[in-house]
Structures are given as C-alpha cells and as structure tokens.
C-alpha atoms as a PDB file:
ATOM      1  CA  MET A   1      67.494 -80.531 -39.572  1.00  0.00           C
ATOM      2  CA  ARG A   2      69.018 -81.293 -36.146  1.00  0.00           C
ATOM      3  CA  VAL A   3      70.110 -78.669 -33.660  1.00  0.00           C
ATOM      4  CA  PRO A   4      72.791 -79.979 -31.255  1.00  0.00           C
ATOM      5  CA  ASP A   5      72.780 -79.198 -27.546  1.00  0.00           C
ATOM      6  CA  LEU A   6      69.141 -78.092 -27.529  1.00  0.00           C
ATOM      7  CA  PHE A   7      66.047 -79.668 -26.092  1.00  0.00           C
ATOM      8  CA  GLU A   8      62.428 -78.658 -25.805  1.00  0.00           C
ATOM      9  CA  ILE A   9      60.502 -78.317 -22.568  1.00  0.00           C
ATOM     10  CA  SER A  10      56.850 -77.398 -22.990  1.00  0.00           C
ATOM     11  CA  ASN A  11      57.120 -74.920 -25.878  1.00  0.00           C
ATOM     12  CA  TYR A  12      60.406 -73.447 -24.670  1.00  0.00           C
ATOM     13  CA  LEU A  13      63.757 -74.103 -26.231  1.00  0.00           C
ATOM     14  CA  ILE A  14      66.548 -74.369 -23.703  1.00  0.00           C
ATOM     15  CA  SER A  15      70.088 -73.871 -24.957  1.00  0.00           C
ATOM     16  CA  TRP A  16      73.416 -74.041 -23.169  1.00  0.00           C
ATOM     17  CA  VAL A  17      75.646 -71.208 -24.382  1.00  0.00           C
ATOM     18  CA  ASN A  18      78.711 -69.728 -22.695  1.00  0.00           C
ATOM     19  CA  ASN A  19      78.067 -71.769 -19.541  1.00  0.00           C
ATOM     20  CA  GLU A  20      74.539 -70.377 -19.176  1.00  0.00           C
ATOM     21  CA  PHE A  21      71.079 -71.693 -19.942  1.00  0.00           C
ATOM     22  CA  ALA A  22      68.980 -69.537 -22.252  1.00  0.00           C
ATOM     23  CA  ARG A  23      65.212 -69.971 -22.635  1.00  0.00           C
ATOM     24  CA  HIS A  24      63.508 -69.135 -25.926  1.00  0.00           C
ATOM     25  CA  SER A  25      59.845 -69.390 -26.827  1.00  0.00           C
ATOM     26  CA  VAL A  26      59.227 -71.761 -29.737  1.00  0.00           C
ATOM     27  CA  PRO A  27      56.170 -72.043 -31.972  1.00  0.00           C
ATOM     28  CA  GLY A  28      55.944 -75.836 -31.859  1.00  0.00           C
ATOM     29  CA  SER A  29      55.609 -78.907 -29.711  1.00  0.00           C
ATOM     30  CA  VAL A  30      55.134 -82.664 -29.934  1.00  0.00           C
ATOM     31  CA  ALA A  31      52.658 -84.602 -27.828  1.00  0.00           C
ATOM     32  CA  ALA A  32      52.469 -88.385 -27.846  1.00  0.00           C
ATOM     33  CA  ASP A  33      50.170 -91.243 -26.909  1.00  0.00           C
ATOM     34  CA  PHE A  34      51.895 -94.360 -25.596  1.00  0.00           C
ATOM     35  CA  GLU A  35      50.403 -97.861 -25.603  1.00  0.00           C
ATOM     36  CA  LEU A  36      51.794-101.124 -24.268  1.00  0.00           C
ATOM     37  CA  TYR A  37      49.731-104.249 -24.835  1.00  0.00           C
ATOM     38  CA  PRO A  38      50.372-108.003 -24.752  1.00  0.00           C
ATOM     39  CA  THR A  39      50.677-110.264 -27.787  1.00  0.00           C
ATOM     40  CA  ASP A  40      51.275-114.005 -28.176  1.00  0.00           C
ATOM     41  CA  ASP A  41      55.005-113.332 -28.699  1.00  0.00           C
ATOM     42  CA  GLY A  42      55.491-110.762 -25.917  1.00  0.00           C
ATOM     43  CA  CYS A  43      54.186-107.213 -26.185  1.00  0.00           C
ATOM     44  CA  VAL A  44      53.826-104.222 -28.481  1.00  0.00           C
ATOM     45  CA  TYR A  45      54.997-100.750 -27.506  1.00  0.00           C
ATOM     46  CA  SER A  46      53.265 -98.161 -29.678  1.00  0.00           C
ATOM     47  CA  ILE A  47      53.811 -94.402 -29.797  1.00  0.00           C
ATOM     48  CA  THR A  48      51.639 -91.985 -31.785  1.00  0.00           C
ATOM     49  CA  HIS A  49      53.202 -88.535 -32.193  1.00  0.00           C
ATOM     50  CA  LYS A  50      51.107 -85.396 -32.534  1.00  0.00           C
ATOM     51  CA  PRO A  51      53.196 -82.462 -33.770  1.00  0.00           C
ATOM     52  CA  SER A  52      51.993 -78.885 -33.699  1.00  0.00           C
ATOM     53  CA  VAL A  53      53.794 -75.928 -35.265  1.00  0.00           C
ATOM     54  CA  ASN A  54      52.022 -72.575 -35.156  1.00  0.00           C
ATOM     55  CA  LEU A  55      53.629 -70.766 -38.088  1.00  0.00           C
ATOM     56  CA  PRO A  56      51.669 -69.542 -41.080  1.00  0.00           C
ATOM     57  CA  LEU A  57      52.523 -71.061 -44.484  1.00  0.00           C
ATOM     58  CA  VAL A  58      55.314 -73.396 -43.282  1.00  0.00           C
ATOM     59  CA  GLY A  59      53.772 -74.950 -40.154  1.00  0.00           C
ATOM     60  CA  LYS A  60      52.603 -78.176 -41.817  1.00  0.00           C
ATOM     61  CA  MET A  61      55.951 -78.723 -43.520  1.00  0.00           C
ATOM     62  CA  LEU A  62      57.798 -78.163 -40.229  1.00  0.00           C
ATOM     63  CA  GLU A  63      55.414 -80.578 -38.465  1.00  0.00           C
ATOM     64  CA  LYS A  64      56.457 -83.301 -40.921  1.00  0.00           C
ATOM     65  CA  ILE A  65      60.147 -82.587 -40.273  1.00  0.00           C
ATOM     66  CA  LEU A  66      59.561 -82.476 -36.525  1.00  0.00           C
ATOM     67  CA  VAL A  67      57.707 -85.782 -36.375  1.00  0.00           C
ATOM     68  CA  SER A  68      60.347 -87.389 -38.609  1.00  0.00           C
ATOM     69  CA  GLN A  69      63.110 -86.299 -36.204  1.00  0.00           C
ATOM     70  CA  VAL A  70      61.159 -87.520 -33.182  1.00  0.00           C
ATOM     71  CA  GLU A  71      60.384 -90.881 -34.803  1.00  0.00           C
ATOM     72  CA  ASN A  72      64.026 -91.364 -35.802  1.00  0.00           C
ATOM     73  CA  GLY A  73      65.050 -90.695 -32.206  1.00  0.00           C
ATOM     74  CA  CYS A  74      62.442 -93.161 -30.896  1.00  0.00           C
ATOM     75  CA  ASP A  75      63.602 -95.816 -33.369  1.00  0.00           C
ATOM     76  CA  ALA A  76      67.191 -95.349 -32.209  1.00  0.00           C
ATOM     77  CA  GLU A  77      66.083 -95.605 -28.574  1.00  0.00           C
ATOM     78  CA  ILE A  78      64.167 -98.844 -29.215  1.00  0.00           C
ATOM     79  CA  ASP A  79      67.132-100.290 -31.145  1.00  0.00           C
ATOM     80  CA  TYR A  80      69.401 -99.449 -28.206  1.00  0.00           C
ATOM     81  CA  LEU A  81      67.010-101.045 -25.692  1.00  0.00           C
ATOM     82  CA  VAL A  82      66.733-104.217 -27.788  1.00  0.00           C
ATOM     83  CA  GLU A  83      70.534-104.402 -27.997  1.00  0.00           C
ATOM     84  CA  VAL A  84      71.092-103.817 -24.268  1.00  0.00           C
ATOM     85  CA  LEU A  85      68.175-105.829 -22.914  1.00  0.00           C
ATOM     86  CA  GLY A  86      68.372-108.610 -25.476  1.00  0.00           C
END
C-alpha cells in the first residue's frame, strides 16, 4: 500500500499535482525513538516506531500497515548506507 509522490509532514499529506502542492489533513502519523550505542564490534542504531491512526474500526490495522511501510523504508536506507559507506 504505497502512494507515490506523497510524503507526510506532521499529520498533513503533501502531494504534487499539476505543478502545485496540495495539503490534505490525514488521520495518522508515525513518531520514532532513535538510539545509538556502542558495542564491542562497533555500534547499534535502533529505531522504535510508534504509529497512530485515528480512524474507528480500521485504525489498528492501518497502524500495522503504516509501521510495516516505514520499517521497510528504514531497512532499505540502512542497506544503502552499508553499501555506500562500507
């Protein structure tokens, strides 16, 4: 469930359509806690996502989808950084 050319900024969905930005209110958001701590082999970078979707009946299901999408994006970002930085 991926929507191209859209990104979220503080509970607003911004879309680029017909050479104009459009702002839409959205019922969800994702917050995160980041941790970076040393280990014997280097360090550990940990992210804990906290989704919130304020829709009756389907909110919890959408939270699971939302956090899955965010985690997949984070995994891809870490894979890219490992590849580029070695």
